[in-house]
C-alpha atoms as a PDB file:
ATOM      1  CA  MET A   1      96.520  16.616 228.159  1.00  0.00           C
ATOM      2  CA  PRO A   2      95.479  19.822 226.346  1.00  0.00           C
ATOM      3  CA  ASP A   3      96.015  20.447 222.651  1.00  0.00           C
ATOM      4  CA  THR A   4      98.209  23.316 221.521  1.00  0.00           C
ATOM      5  CA  CYS A   5      96.940  26.453 219.846  1.00  0.00           C
ATOM      6  CA  ARG A   6      97.770  26.558 216.136  1.00  0.00           C
ATOM      7  CA  ILE A   7      98.496  30.289 216.314  1.00  0.00           C
ATOM      8  CA  CYS A   8     100.454  30.916 219.530  1.00  0.00           C
ATOM      9  CA  GLY A   9     101.626  27.384 220.362  1.00  0.00           C
ATOM     10  CA  GLN A  10     100.411  27.577 223.986  1.00  0.00           C
ATOM     11  CA  PRO A  11      98.245  24.886 225.627  1.00  0.00           C
ATOM     12  CA  ALA A  12      94.568  25.189 224.656  1.00  0.00           C
ATOM     13  CA  HIS A  13      91.865  23.531 226.742  1.00  0.00           C
ATOM     14  CA  ASP A  14      88.294  22.789 225.639  1.00  0.00           C
ATOM     15  CA  THR A  15      87.072  25.600 227.889  1.00  0.00           C
ATOM     16  CA  ASP A  16      89.142  28.332 226.200  1.00  0.00           C
ATOM     17  CA  SER A  17      89.450  27.228 222.582  1.00  0.00           C
ATOM     18  CA  ALA A  18      87.623  26.104 219.456  1.00  0.00           C
ATOM     19  CA  LEU A  19      88.315  24.136 216.299  1.00  0.00           C
ATOM     20  CA  CYS A  20      88.727  26.072 213.067  1.00  0.00           C
ATOM     21  CA  ASN A  21      86.056  25.141 210.520  1.00  0.00           C
ATOM     22  CA  ASN A  22      88.609  25.566 207.734  1.00  0.00           C
ATOM     23  CA  CYS A  23      91.785  23.759 208.916  1.00  0.00           C
ATOM     24  CA  ASP A  24      90.334  21.693 211.820  1.00  0.00           C
ATOM     25  CA  GLN A  25      93.097  22.920 214.159  1.00  0.00           C
ATOM     26  CA  ARG A  26      92.527  24.180 217.713  1.00  0.00           C
ATOM     27  CA  PHE A  27      92.972  27.889 218.519  1.00  0.00           C
ATOM     28  CA  HIS A  28      92.375  30.097 221.578  1.00  0.00           C
ATOM     29  CA  LEU A  29      88.966  31.718 221.697  1.00  0.00           C
ATOM     30  CA  ARG A  30      87.292  33.397 224.652  1.00  0.00           C
ATOM     31  CA  LEU A  31      83.968  31.603 224.796  1.00  0.00           C
ATOM     32  CA  ARG A  32      82.520  34.044 227.352  1.00  0.00           C
ATOM     33  CA  ALA A  33      82.526  37.836 227.288  1.00  0.00           C
ATOM     34  CA  ASP A  34      83.709  37.990 230.917  1.00  0.00           C
ATOM     35  CA  SER A  35      86.679  35.635 230.449  1.00  0.00           C
ATOM     36  CA  ASP A  36      90.334  36.551 230.062  1.00  0.00           C
ATOM     37  CA  GLY A  37      92.899  35.045 227.783  1.00  0.00           C
ATOM     38  CA  PRO A  38      94.193  35.192 224.245  1.00  0.00           C
ATOM     39  CA  GLU A  39      92.034  35.451 221.119  1.00  0.00           C
ATOM     40  CA  CYS A  40      93.683  33.615 218.244  1.00  0.00           C
ATOM     41  CA  GLY A  41      90.658  33.577 215.962  1.00  0.00           C
ATOM     42  CA  SER A  42      87.025  34.580 215.583  1.00  0.00           C
ATOM     43  CA  VAL A  43      83.503  33.254 215.730  1.00  0.00           C
ATOM     44  CA  TRP A  44      80.467  34.621 213.891  1.00  0.00           C
ATOM     45  CA  ILE A  45      76.939  33.640 212.898  1.00  0.00           C
ATOM     46  CA  ASN A  46      76.425  32.226 209.423  1.00  0.00           C
ATOM     47  CA  GLU A  47      73.138  33.899 208.534  1.00  0.00           C
ATOM     48  CA  GLN A  48      72.352  31.477 205.706  1.00  0.00           C
ATOM     49  CA  PHE A  49      72.583  28.334 207.852  1.00  0.00           C
ATOM     50  CA  LEU A  50      71.948  29.976 211.269  1.00  0.00           C
ATOM     51  CA  SER A  51      75.019  28.342 212.743  1.00  0.00           C
ATOM     52  CA  LEU A  52      78.246  29.455 214.393  1.00  0.00           C
ATOM     53  CA  GLU A  53      81.412  29.448 212.307  1.00  0.00           C
ATOM     54  CA  TYR A  54      84.897  29.395 213.817  1.00  0.00           C
ATOM     55  CA  ALA A  55      88.179  30.375 212.142  1.00  0.00           C
ATOM     56  CA  CYS A  56      91.746  30.828 213.348  1.00  0.00           C
ATOM     57  CA  GLN A  57      93.734  33.968 212.504  1.00  0.00           C
ATOM     58  CA  ARG A  58      95.847  32.110 209.959  1.00  0.00           C
ATOM     59  CA  CYS A  59      92.799  30.984 207.967  1.00  0.00           C
ATOM     60  CA  LEU A  60      91.330  34.476 208.256  1.00  0.00           C
ATOM     61  CA  GLY A  61      94.542  35.868 206.765  1.00  0.00           C
ATOM     62  CA  SER A  62      95.704  37.658 209.894  1.00  0.00           C
ATOM     63  CA  SER A  63      98.897  36.916 211.779  1.00  0.00           C
ATOM     64  CA  GLY A  64      97.557  38.536 214.934  1.00  0.00           C
ATOM     65  CA  ALA A  65     100.304  41.159 214.862  1.00  0.00           C
ATOM     66  CA  ASP A  66      98.395  43.258 212.325  1.00  0.00           C
ATOM     67  CA  PRO A  67      94.900  44.087 213.533  1.00  0.00           C
ATOM     68  CA  GLU A  68      92.080  43.816 211.035  1.00  0.00           C
ATOM     69  CA  PRO A  69      91.428  47.132 209.293  1.00  0.00           C
ATOM     70  CA  PRO A  70      88.223  48.978 210.123  1.00  0.00           C
ATOM     71  CA  VAL A  71      85.225  48.111 207.973  1.00  0.00           C
ATOM     72  CA  GLY A  72      85.481  50.020 204.706  1.00  0.00           C
ATOM     73  CA  GLN A  73      89.291  49.956 204.648  1.00  0.00           C
ATOM     74  CA  GLY A  74      90.629  46.878 202.932  1.00  0.00           C
ATOM     75  CA  HIS A  75      87.399  44.864 203.062  1.00  0.00           C
END
C-alpha cells in the first residue's frame, strides 16, 4: 500500500516520491526528467557534503499555489 503525499494527499509510490530531509514525510517528486506527474517538492545537490537533499514544498515555505520568485526577487 502506497504512502500519501504530505502536500497533495494523493497516493505516493517509491517510484514517484521522496522523503523530505526536514520533516521525514513523503512527497511527490519526478525522479526522472522524462516522467510525468506532480512535483510537490525539490531536490538539489549539497555542495559541501556532495549529497542530494530533498525537501517538500511546505518545508521550503511554498504552498505550491505560489510559484517561487525568480532568483534576485525575494531570495
